[in-house]
N, C-alpha and C. Protein backbone atom coordinates (compact mmCIF):
# COMPACT_ATOMS: atom_id res chain seq x y z
N UNK A 1 119.84 -16.96 181.85
CA UNK A 1 119.79 -16.92 183.30
C UNK A 1 121.14 -16.43 183.82
N UNK A 2 121.09 -15.60 184.82
CA UNK A 2 122.30 -15.07 185.43
C UNK A 2 122.77 -16.05 186.49
N UNK A 3 124.08 -16.31 186.50
CA UNK A 3 124.67 -17.17 187.51
C UNK A 3 125.94 -16.49 188.00
N UNK A 4 125.96 -16.17 189.28
CA UNK A 4 127.12 -15.50 189.88
C UNK A 4 127.71 -16.41 190.94
N UNK A 5 128.83 -17.02 190.62
CA UNK A 5 129.51 -17.87 191.60
C UNK A 5 130.49 -17.09 192.43
N UNK A 6 131.09 -16.09 191.82
CA UNK A 6 132.10 -15.31 192.49
C UNK A 6 131.74 -13.83 192.31
N UNK A 7 131.74 -13.08 193.38
CA UNK A 7 131.33 -11.69 193.32
C UNK A 7 132.45 -10.80 192.80
N UNK A 8 133.65 -11.03 193.19
CA UNK A 8 134.74 -10.19 192.68
C UNK A 8 135.49 -10.92 191.58
N UNK A 9 135.85 -10.17 190.56
CA UNK A 9 136.54 -10.77 189.41
C UNK A 9 137.90 -10.12 189.15
N UNK A 10 138.10 -8.96 189.71
CA UNK A 10 139.32 -8.17 189.53
C UNK A 10 139.44 -7.56 188.13
N UNK A 11 138.48 -7.84 187.26
CA UNK A 11 138.58 -7.30 185.90
C UNK A 11 138.32 -5.80 185.86
N UNK A 12 137.69 -5.27 186.88
CA UNK A 12 137.40 -3.84 186.91
C UNK A 12 138.42 -3.02 187.65
N UNK A 13 139.50 -3.65 188.08
CA UNK A 13 140.51 -2.93 188.84
C UNK A 13 141.21 -1.85 188.01
N UNK A 14 141.09 -1.94 186.69
CA UNK A 14 141.72 -0.93 185.83
C UNK A 14 140.79 0.25 185.55
N UNK A 15 139.63 0.29 186.22
CA UNK A 15 138.70 1.41 186.04
C UNK A 15 137.73 1.21 184.90
N UNK A 16 137.65 -0.01 184.38
CA UNK A 16 136.68 -0.30 183.32
C UNK A 16 135.72 -1.36 183.80
N UNK A 17 134.61 -1.50 183.08
CA UNK A 17 133.63 -2.53 183.38
C UNK A 17 133.16 -3.16 182.08
N UNK A 18 132.75 -4.40 182.16
CA UNK A 18 132.31 -5.13 180.97
C UNK A 18 130.85 -4.85 180.65
N UNK A 19 130.56 -4.75 179.37
CA UNK A 19 129.20 -4.56 178.89
C UNK A 19 128.69 -5.88 178.32
N UNK A 20 127.41 -5.93 178.03
CA UNK A 20 126.78 -7.16 177.57
C UNK A 20 127.42 -7.68 176.28
N UNK A 21 127.81 -6.78 175.39
CA UNK A 21 128.38 -7.20 174.11
C UNK A 21 129.84 -7.63 174.20
N UNK A 22 130.39 -7.65 175.41
CA UNK A 22 131.78 -8.05 175.60
C UNK A 22 132.77 -6.89 175.59
N UNK A 23 132.33 -5.71 175.17
CA UNK A 23 133.22 -4.55 175.19
C UNK A 23 133.38 -4.06 176.62
N UNK A 24 134.33 -3.18 176.81
CA UNK A 24 134.57 -2.60 178.12
C UNK A 24 134.46 -1.09 178.01
N UNK A 25 134.03 -0.47 179.08
CA UNK A 25 133.97 1.00 179.08
C UNK A 25 134.40 1.51 180.45
N UNK A 26 134.82 2.75 180.46
CA UNK A 26 135.27 3.37 181.72
C UNK A 26 134.11 3.44 182.70
N UNK A 27 134.42 3.19 183.94
CA UNK A 27 133.38 3.23 184.97
C UNK A 27 132.79 4.62 185.15
N UNK A 28 133.50 5.65 184.67
CA UNK A 28 133.00 7.01 184.79
C UNK A 28 132.34 7.50 183.49
N UNK A 29 132.17 6.63 182.51
CA UNK A 29 131.58 7.00 181.23
C UNK A 29 130.09 7.32 181.40
N UNK A 30 129.56 8.07 180.46
CA UNK A 30 128.14 8.46 180.49
C UNK A 30 127.24 7.22 180.56
N UNK A 31 127.61 6.16 179.87
CA UNK A 31 126.81 4.93 179.89
C UNK A 31 126.73 4.36 181.31
N UNK A 32 127.87 4.33 182.00
CA UNK A 32 127.88 3.78 183.35
C UNK A 32 127.20 4.71 184.34
N UNK A 33 127.29 6.02 184.09
CA UNK A 33 126.56 6.98 184.94
C UNK A 33 125.06 6.73 184.84
N UNK A 34 124.57 6.49 183.62
CA UNK A 34 123.15 6.21 183.42
C UNK A 34 122.76 4.89 184.09
N UNK A 35 123.55 3.85 183.88
CA UNK A 35 123.24 2.55 184.48
C UNK A 35 123.25 2.66 186.01
N UNK A 36 124.25 3.33 186.55
CA UNK A 36 124.34 3.47 188.01
C UNK A 36 123.20 4.27 188.59
N UNK A 37 122.76 5.28 187.89
CA UNK A 37 121.67 6.10 188.41
C UNK A 37 120.34 5.37 188.32
N UNK A 38 120.15 4.55 187.28
CA UNK A 38 118.97 3.68 187.23
C UNK A 38 118.99 2.72 188.42
N UNK A 39 120.16 2.21 188.76
CA UNK A 39 120.29 1.33 189.92
C UNK A 39 119.94 2.08 191.21
N UNK A 40 120.38 3.33 191.32
CA UNK A 40 120.01 4.14 192.50
C UNK A 40 118.50 4.33 192.58
N UNK A 41 117.87 4.60 191.44
CA UNK A 41 116.41 4.76 191.42
C UNK A 41 115.74 3.47 191.89
N UNK A 42 116.25 2.35 191.42
CA UNK A 42 115.69 1.07 191.81
C UNK A 42 115.82 0.85 193.32
N UNK A 43 116.97 1.21 193.87
CA UNK A 43 117.18 1.07 195.31
C UNK A 43 116.26 1.99 196.10
N UNK A 44 116.07 3.21 195.61
CA UNK A 44 115.16 4.15 196.28
C UNK A 44 113.72 3.62 196.23
N UNK A 45 113.36 3.01 195.12
CA UNK A 45 112.03 2.40 195.02
C UNK A 45 111.91 1.25 196.01
N UNK A 46 113.00 0.51 196.20
CA UNK A 46 113.00 -0.56 197.19
C UNK A 46 112.69 -0.05 198.59
N UNK A 47 113.22 1.12 198.94
CA UNK A 47 112.89 1.73 200.24
C UNK A 47 111.41 2.08 200.32
N UNK A 48 110.86 2.57 199.21
CA UNK A 48 109.43 2.90 199.18
C UNK A 48 108.59 1.63 199.34
N UNK A 49 109.00 0.55 198.68
CA UNK A 49 108.28 -0.72 198.81
C UNK A 49 108.26 -1.16 200.27
N UNK A 50 109.40 -1.05 200.94
CA UNK A 50 109.47 -1.44 202.35
C UNK A 50 108.54 -0.60 203.21
N UNK A 51 108.43 0.69 202.90
CA UNK A 51 107.56 1.58 203.67
C UNK A 51 106.08 1.32 203.40
N UNK A 52 105.77 0.82 202.21
CA UNK A 52 104.38 0.58 201.85
C UNK A 52 103.84 -0.74 202.37
N UNK A 53 104.71 -1.62 202.84
CA UNK A 53 104.25 -2.91 203.33
C UNK A 53 103.66 -3.73 202.20
N UNK A 54 102.58 -4.41 202.48
CA UNK A 54 101.98 -5.31 201.50
C UNK A 54 100.90 -4.69 200.63
N UNK A 55 100.90 -3.37 200.48
CA UNK A 55 99.84 -2.72 199.70
C UNK A 55 99.96 -3.06 198.21
N UNK A 56 98.87 -2.82 197.48
CA UNK A 56 98.90 -3.04 196.03
C UNK A 56 99.92 -2.12 195.36
N UNK A 57 100.13 -0.95 195.94
CA UNK A 57 101.14 -0.04 195.39
C UNK A 57 102.53 -0.67 195.46
N UNK A 58 102.80 -1.40 196.53
CA UNK A 58 104.11 -2.06 196.66
C UNK A 58 104.29 -3.10 195.56
N UNK A 59 103.23 -3.80 195.20
CA UNK A 59 103.31 -4.78 194.13
C UNK A 59 103.63 -4.14 192.79
N UNK A 60 103.01 -2.99 192.52
CA UNK A 60 103.29 -2.27 191.27
C UNK A 60 104.74 -1.81 191.25
N UNK A 61 105.21 -1.28 192.37
CA UNK A 61 106.60 -0.82 192.43
C UNK A 61 107.59 -1.98 192.26
N UNK A 62 107.24 -3.14 192.78
CA UNK A 62 108.11 -4.30 192.60
C UNK A 62 108.18 -4.70 191.12
N UNK A 63 107.06 -4.59 190.42
CA UNK A 63 107.08 -4.84 188.98
C UNK A 63 108.00 -3.82 188.28
N UNK A 64 107.90 -2.57 188.70
CA UNK A 64 108.76 -1.52 188.13
C UNK A 64 110.22 -1.83 188.42
N UNK A 65 110.52 -2.32 189.62
CA UNK A 65 111.91 -2.66 189.93
C UNK A 65 112.44 -3.70 188.94
N UNK A 66 111.62 -4.67 188.60
CA UNK A 66 112.05 -5.66 187.62
C UNK A 66 112.30 -5.01 186.26
N UNK A 67 111.40 -4.09 185.87
CA UNK A 67 111.59 -3.36 184.61
C UNK A 67 112.88 -2.55 184.63
N UNK A 68 113.24 -2.03 185.79
CA UNK A 68 114.47 -1.24 185.88
C UNK A 68 115.71 -2.12 185.68
N UNK A 69 115.63 -3.40 186.05
CA UNK A 69 116.73 -4.31 185.72
C UNK A 69 116.79 -4.50 184.21
N UNK A 70 115.61 -4.61 183.57
CA UNK A 70 115.58 -4.68 182.10
C UNK A 70 116.21 -3.42 181.51
N UNK A 71 115.88 -2.28 182.09
CA UNK A 71 116.43 -1.01 181.60
C UNK A 71 117.95 -0.99 181.75
N UNK A 72 118.46 -1.46 182.87
CA UNK A 72 119.90 -1.53 183.06
C UNK A 72 120.56 -2.43 182.03
N UNK A 73 119.93 -3.57 181.73
CA UNK A 73 120.46 -4.47 180.71
C UNK A 73 120.43 -3.81 179.34
N UNK A 74 119.37 -3.08 179.06
CA UNK A 74 119.26 -2.35 177.79
C UNK A 74 120.41 -1.36 177.67
N UNK A 75 120.64 -0.58 178.71
CA UNK A 75 121.71 0.42 178.68
C UNK A 75 123.09 -0.23 178.61
N UNK A 76 123.22 -1.43 179.16
CA UNK A 76 124.50 -2.13 179.16
C UNK A 76 124.78 -2.85 177.84
N UNK A 77 123.87 -2.69 176.88
CA UNK A 77 124.03 -3.30 175.57
C UNK A 77 124.10 -2.19 174.53
N UNK A 78 125.29 -1.73 174.20
CA UNK A 78 125.40 -0.65 173.21
C UNK A 78 124.78 -1.05 171.88
N UNK A 79 124.22 -0.07 171.19
CA UNK A 79 123.59 -0.32 169.90
C UNK A 79 124.65 -0.70 168.87
N UNK A 80 124.35 -1.74 168.12
CA UNK A 80 125.21 -2.12 167.00
C UNK A 80 124.81 -1.27 165.79
N UNK A 81 125.65 -1.25 164.78
CA UNK A 81 125.35 -0.51 163.56
C UNK A 81 123.99 -0.96 163.01
N UNK A 82 123.09 -0.01 162.78
CA UNK A 82 121.77 -0.31 162.23
C UNK A 82 120.80 -0.91 163.22
N UNK A 83 121.14 -0.87 164.51
CA UNK A 83 120.29 -1.45 165.56
C UNK A 83 118.94 -0.72 165.60
N UNK A 84 117.85 -1.50 165.55
CA UNK A 84 116.52 -0.91 165.67
C UNK A 84 115.96 -1.06 167.08
N UNK A 85 116.80 -1.49 168.00
CA UNK A 85 116.48 -1.66 169.42
C UNK A 85 115.38 -2.69 169.66
N UNK A 86 115.24 -3.63 168.73
CA UNK A 86 114.29 -4.73 168.93
C UNK A 86 114.93 -5.76 169.85
N UNK A 87 114.14 -6.28 170.79
CA UNK A 87 114.70 -7.31 171.67
C UNK A 87 114.89 -8.62 170.90
N UNK A 88 115.74 -9.47 171.43
CA UNK A 88 115.95 -10.80 170.86
C UNK A 88 116.29 -11.75 172.00
N UNK A 89 116.58 -12.98 171.64
CA UNK A 89 116.98 -13.94 172.68
C UNK A 89 118.27 -13.53 173.35
N UNK A 90 119.09 -12.78 172.64
CA UNK A 90 120.39 -12.39 173.16
C UNK A 90 120.45 -10.95 173.66
N UNK A 91 119.46 -10.13 173.32
CA UNK A 91 119.49 -8.71 173.68
C UNK A 91 118.19 -8.35 174.38
N UNK A 92 118.30 -7.87 175.61
CA UNK A 92 117.15 -7.45 176.40
C UNK A 92 116.96 -5.95 176.21
N UNK A 93 115.81 -5.55 175.73
CA UNK A 93 115.49 -4.14 175.51
C UNK A 93 114.17 -3.80 176.18
N UNK A 94 114.03 -2.56 176.62
CA UNK A 94 112.73 -2.04 177.03
C UNK A 94 111.89 -1.97 175.76
N UNK A 95 110.62 -2.37 175.84
CA UNK A 95 109.74 -2.38 174.68
C UNK A 95 108.58 -1.41 174.91
N UNK A 96 107.95 -0.94 173.84
CA UNK A 96 106.83 0.00 173.99
C UNK A 96 105.71 -0.50 174.90
N UNK A 97 105.52 -1.81 174.98
CA UNK A 97 104.49 -2.35 175.87
C UNK A 97 104.75 -2.03 177.33
N UNK A 98 106.02 -1.98 177.72
CA UNK A 98 106.35 -1.62 179.10
C UNK A 98 106.02 -0.15 179.36
N UNK A 99 106.22 0.69 178.36
CA UNK A 99 105.88 2.11 178.48
C UNK A 99 104.36 2.26 178.58
N UNK A 100 103.63 1.54 177.72
CA UNK A 100 102.16 1.61 177.73
C UNK A 100 101.60 1.14 179.07
N UNK A 101 102.19 0.08 179.63
CA UNK A 101 101.72 -0.40 180.93
C UNK A 101 101.92 0.68 182.00
N UNK A 102 103.06 1.35 181.96
CA UNK A 102 103.33 2.40 182.94
C UNK A 102 102.37 3.57 182.75
N UNK A 103 102.06 3.92 181.51
CA UNK A 103 101.08 4.99 181.26
C UNK A 103 99.72 4.63 181.83
N UNK A 104 99.31 3.37 181.67
CA UNK A 104 98.02 2.92 182.23
C UNK A 104 98.06 2.99 183.75
N UNK A 105 99.19 2.63 184.34
CA UNK A 105 99.31 2.71 185.80
C UNK A 105 99.21 4.17 186.27
N UNK A 106 99.80 5.10 185.52
CA UNK A 106 99.69 6.53 185.85
C UNK A 106 98.24 6.95 185.80
N UNK A 107 97.55 6.61 184.72
CA UNK A 107 96.15 7.02 184.55
C UNK A 107 95.27 6.44 185.65
N UNK A 108 95.50 5.20 186.02
CA UNK A 108 94.70 4.55 187.06
C UNK A 108 94.84 5.27 188.39
N UNK A 109 96.06 5.58 188.78
CA UNK A 109 96.28 6.27 190.06
C UNK A 109 95.78 7.70 189.98
N UNK A 110 96.04 8.38 188.88
CA UNK A 110 95.72 9.80 188.76
C UNK A 110 94.22 10.07 188.73
N UNK A 111 93.42 9.14 188.18
CA UNK A 111 91.99 9.40 188.04
C UNK A 111 91.28 9.54 189.39
N UNK A 112 91.86 8.99 190.43
CA UNK A 112 91.26 9.09 191.77
C UNK A 112 91.73 10.33 192.54
N UNK A 113 92.65 11.11 191.97
CA UNK A 113 93.21 12.26 192.68
C UNK A 113 92.49 13.55 192.30
N UNK A 114 92.41 14.45 193.26
CA UNK A 114 91.88 15.79 192.98
C UNK A 114 92.91 16.55 192.15
N UNK A 115 92.44 17.44 191.28
CA UNK A 115 93.40 18.23 190.49
C UNK A 115 94.30 19.07 191.40
N UNK A 116 95.52 19.28 190.94
CA UNK A 116 96.46 20.10 191.69
C UNK A 116 96.09 21.57 191.59
N UNK A 117 96.18 22.28 192.70
CA UNK A 117 95.96 23.73 192.71
C UNK A 117 97.22 24.46 193.15
N UNK A 118 98.26 23.70 193.46
CA UNK A 118 99.52 24.26 193.93
C UNK A 118 100.61 23.23 193.66
N UNK A 119 101.85 23.67 193.61
CA UNK A 119 102.94 22.71 193.64
C UNK A 119 102.93 22.07 195.02
N UNK A 120 103.47 20.87 195.11
CA UNK A 120 103.49 20.19 196.41
C UNK A 120 104.93 19.99 196.86
N UNK A 121 105.10 19.97 198.16
CA UNK A 121 106.42 19.71 198.74
C UNK A 121 106.65 18.20 198.78
N UNK A 122 107.88 17.76 198.58
CA UNK A 122 108.16 16.33 198.60
C UNK A 122 108.23 15.80 200.02
N UNK A 123 107.08 15.46 200.55
CA UNK A 123 107.01 14.98 201.91
C UNK A 123 105.67 14.34 202.17
N UNK A 124 105.17 14.57 203.38
CA UNK A 124 103.93 13.94 203.80
C UNK A 124 104.24 12.73 204.65
N UNK A 125 103.60 11.62 204.33
CA UNK A 125 103.87 10.38 205.08
C UNK A 125 105.27 9.87 204.73
N UNK A 126 105.77 8.96 205.56
CA UNK A 126 107.09 8.41 205.29
C UNK A 126 107.13 7.71 203.93
N UNK A 127 106.10 6.93 203.64
CA UNK A 127 106.07 6.23 202.35
C UNK A 127 106.06 7.22 201.19
N UNK A 128 105.25 8.26 201.29
CA UNK A 128 105.19 9.26 200.21
C UNK A 128 106.52 9.98 200.06
N UNK A 129 107.16 10.30 201.17
CA UNK A 129 108.47 10.97 201.11
C UNK A 129 109.49 10.07 200.41
N UNK A 130 109.46 8.78 200.69
CA UNK A 130 110.38 7.85 200.03
C UNK A 130 110.09 7.77 198.53
N UNK A 131 108.81 7.80 198.19
CA UNK A 131 108.43 7.78 196.77
C UNK A 131 108.90 9.06 196.08
N UNK A 132 108.77 10.19 196.76
CA UNK A 132 109.28 11.45 196.20
C UNK A 132 110.79 11.38 195.97
N UNK A 133 111.51 10.80 196.91
CA UNK A 133 112.96 10.65 196.74
C UNK A 133 113.26 9.77 195.52
N UNK A 134 112.53 8.67 195.38
CA UNK A 134 112.71 7.80 194.21
C UNK A 134 112.40 8.56 192.93
N UNK A 135 111.40 9.43 192.96
CA UNK A 135 111.04 10.25 191.78
C UNK A 135 112.20 11.16 191.41
N UNK A 136 112.80 11.80 192.40
CA UNK A 136 113.93 12.70 192.12
C UNK A 136 115.11 11.93 191.53
N UNK A 137 115.37 10.73 192.03
CA UNK A 137 116.47 9.92 191.49
C UNK A 137 116.12 9.46 190.08
N UNK A 138 114.85 9.11 189.83
CA UNK A 138 114.43 8.71 188.48
C UNK A 138 114.62 9.87 187.50
N UNK A 139 114.35 11.08 187.94
CA UNK A 139 114.57 12.23 187.06
C UNK A 139 116.06 12.41 186.76
N UNK A 140 116.90 12.17 187.74
CA UNK A 140 118.34 12.25 187.50
C UNK A 140 118.77 11.15 186.53
N UNK A 141 118.20 9.96 186.68
CA UNK A 141 118.50 8.87 185.75
C UNK A 141 118.12 9.28 184.33
N UNK A 142 116.99 9.95 184.19
CA UNK A 142 116.59 10.42 182.86
C UNK A 142 117.59 11.43 182.31
N UNK A 143 118.05 12.34 183.15
CA UNK A 143 119.06 13.31 182.68
C UNK A 143 120.34 12.59 182.24
N UNK A 144 120.74 11.57 182.99
CA UNK A 144 121.92 10.80 182.61
C UNK A 144 121.70 10.06 181.30
N UNK A 145 120.51 9.53 181.11
CA UNK A 145 120.22 8.80 179.88
C UNK A 145 120.17 9.74 178.68
N UNK A 146 119.63 10.94 178.86
CA UNK A 146 119.58 11.87 177.73
C UNK A 146 120.99 12.39 177.43
N UNK A 147 121.84 12.51 178.45
CA UNK A 147 123.24 12.88 178.21
C UNK A 147 123.93 11.79 177.39
N UNK A 148 123.67 10.53 177.72
CA UNK A 148 124.22 9.43 176.95
C UNK A 148 123.68 9.47 175.52
N UNK A 149 122.39 9.73 175.37
CA UNK A 149 121.76 9.76 174.04
C UNK A 149 122.32 10.88 173.18
N UNK A 150 122.86 11.91 173.79
CA UNK A 150 123.49 12.99 173.02
C UNK A 150 124.83 12.54 172.44
N UNK A 151 125.39 11.45 172.97
CA UNK A 151 126.68 10.94 172.52
C UNK A 151 126.58 9.70 171.64
N UNK A 152 125.61 8.85 171.94
CA UNK A 152 125.45 7.60 171.19
C UNK A 152 123.99 7.16 171.25
N UNK A 153 123.58 6.28 170.33
CA UNK A 153 122.17 5.89 170.28
C UNK A 153 121.69 5.21 171.57
N UNK A 154 120.48 5.57 171.98
CA UNK A 154 119.82 4.96 173.14
C UNK A 154 118.42 4.57 172.70
N UNK A 155 117.97 3.44 173.15
CA UNK A 155 116.64 2.93 172.82
C UNK A 155 115.57 3.98 173.15
N UNK A 156 114.78 4.42 172.16
CA UNK A 156 113.74 5.41 172.43
C UNK A 156 112.71 4.94 173.46
N UNK A 157 112.41 3.65 173.47
CA UNK A 157 111.46 3.13 174.46
C UNK A 157 112.03 3.23 175.87
N UNK A 158 113.34 3.07 176.00
CA UNK A 158 113.99 3.21 177.31
C UNK A 158 113.88 4.64 177.80
N UNK A 159 114.10 5.59 176.90
CA UNK A 159 113.96 7.01 177.27
C UNK A 159 112.52 7.33 177.66
N UNK A 160 111.56 6.80 176.93
CA UNK A 160 110.15 7.04 177.26
C UNK A 160 109.82 6.42 178.62
N UNK A 161 110.33 5.20 178.87
CA UNK A 161 110.03 4.52 180.13
C UNK A 161 110.51 5.34 181.32
N UNK A 162 111.74 5.79 181.28
CA UNK A 162 112.27 6.52 182.44
C UNK A 162 111.55 7.86 182.61
N UNK A 163 111.09 8.46 181.51
CA UNK A 163 110.32 9.69 181.60
C UNK A 163 108.98 9.44 182.28
N UNK A 164 108.31 8.35 181.92
CA UNK A 164 107.02 8.03 182.54
C UNK A 164 107.19 7.61 183.99
N UNK A 165 108.35 7.02 184.30
CA UNK A 165 108.57 6.55 185.67
C UNK A 165 108.45 7.69 186.68
N UNK A 166 109.07 8.83 186.40
CA UNK A 166 108.98 9.93 187.36
C UNK A 166 107.54 10.43 187.46
N UNK A 167 106.80 10.39 186.35
CA UNK A 167 105.38 10.77 186.40
C UNK A 167 104.59 9.83 187.30
N UNK A 168 104.85 8.52 187.14
CA UNK A 168 104.15 7.54 187.97
C UNK A 168 104.46 7.76 189.45
N UNK A 169 105.73 7.94 189.75
CA UNK A 169 106.11 8.13 191.16
C UNK A 169 105.50 9.39 191.73
N UNK A 170 105.35 10.43 190.91
CA UNK A 170 104.70 11.66 191.38
C UNK A 170 103.24 11.41 191.75
N UNK A 171 102.48 10.79 190.85
CA UNK A 171 101.06 10.56 191.16
C UNK A 171 100.92 9.56 192.30
N UNK A 172 101.82 8.58 192.38
CA UNK A 172 101.75 7.62 193.48
C UNK A 172 102.00 8.30 194.81
N UNK A 173 102.96 9.22 194.87
CA UNK A 173 103.21 9.93 196.13
C UNK A 173 101.96 10.71 196.55
N UNK A 174 101.27 11.30 195.57
CA UNK A 174 100.04 12.03 195.87
C UNK A 174 98.96 11.08 196.38
N UNK A 175 98.84 9.90 195.78
CA UNK A 175 97.82 8.94 196.22
C UNK A 175 98.11 8.45 197.63
N UNK A 176 99.36 8.18 197.92
CA UNK A 176 99.73 7.72 199.26
C UNK A 176 99.45 8.83 200.27
N UNK A 177 99.78 10.06 199.93
CA UNK A 177 99.48 11.16 200.84
C UNK A 177 97.98 11.42 200.96
N UNK A 178 97.24 11.23 199.89
CA UNK A 178 95.78 11.43 199.96
C UNK A 178 95.17 10.49 200.99
N UNK A 179 95.69 9.28 201.08
CA UNK A 179 95.19 8.31 202.05
C UNK A 179 95.64 8.64 203.47
N UNK A 180 96.63 9.55 203.60
CA UNK A 180 97.18 9.88 204.92
C UNK A 180 96.93 11.34 205.29
N UNK A 181 95.98 12.00 204.64
CA UNK A 181 95.64 13.37 205.02
C UNK A 181 95.89 14.41 203.97
N UNK A 182 96.52 14.08 202.89
CA UNK A 182 96.69 15.03 201.79
C UNK A 182 98.12 15.47 201.56
N UNK A 183 98.30 16.12 200.40
CA UNK A 183 99.61 16.63 200.00
C UNK A 183 100.05 17.77 200.91
N UNK A 184 101.34 17.99 200.96
CA UNK A 184 101.90 19.15 201.63
C UNK A 184 102.10 20.21 200.55
N UNK A 185 101.33 21.28 200.62
CA UNK A 185 101.32 22.28 199.56
C UNK A 185 102.42 23.31 199.74
N UNK A 186 102.97 23.74 198.63
CA UNK A 186 103.92 24.85 198.61
C UNK A 186 103.13 26.13 198.74
N UNK A 187 103.57 27.00 199.63
CA UNK A 187 102.98 28.33 199.79
C UNK A 187 104.03 29.33 199.36
N UNK A 188 103.90 29.89 198.15
CA UNK A 188 104.93 30.81 197.64
C UNK A 188 105.13 32.01 198.58
N UNK A 189 106.38 32.29 198.89
CA UNK A 189 106.72 33.45 199.70
C UNK A 189 106.28 33.36 201.15
N UNK A 190 105.89 32.20 201.63
CA UNK A 190 105.36 32.05 202.98
C UNK A 190 106.30 32.56 204.06
N UNK A 191 107.59 32.42 203.87
CA UNK A 191 108.52 32.75 204.94
C UNK A 191 109.32 34.03 204.69
N UNK A 192 108.82 34.89 203.82
CA UNK A 192 109.52 36.15 203.57
C UNK A 192 109.30 37.12 204.70
C-alpha cells in the first residue's frame, strides 16, 4: 500500500528520481520519459472520463487508468539480471491477461462499428475529441517505451498493452462519435 505523508522530499533536487528498486535515475532519462508520458496519457484519459459522464465507456476508461498506474510501476522497476518480467509480491508488472482484456474490449466496441471507408479526423463530439487526444498521447507513450526498450529490457506485456491502448481509444472515439452523428471524415485534397 502506498502511503504519502509528505509530498516534497527534496531528494530530486539534484535532477534524479528514485525507482522502485531503490536506484536513482536522471529525470530526463528514457525511463522517466516513458513513465511521464504514460502519466500524461492517463491524465488525458481522465479528461475523456469527465466528458463521458457516467457512461459504461467511462467505467472502462477508469479501469484502464488503474492499469496505467500498474504500467508506470512496471516501468519504474528496472529488470534485474535474468528477469522474466513475472509479477511478485514485491514487483508489479503488466501481465498478458491485462492485454487480453484490452483486446476483448477493442473487439466488443469495434463489432458495432461500420467499416472505415476513409481516414477520420480527430474530432467530432467533445468526448470523442478528448479520446482522440488521449490516443495520440498513448501513441507517444508507446514511442517512448520502445525507445527505452532499445536501451534496456522492457516487459513485453507492457509494450503490448500500450500498443493495444491506442487501438482501443481509436475504436472508442469512433463509437462515441457514432452515437453523436458519425465520424468526421478526411477528404484528401479538399482544400487545394
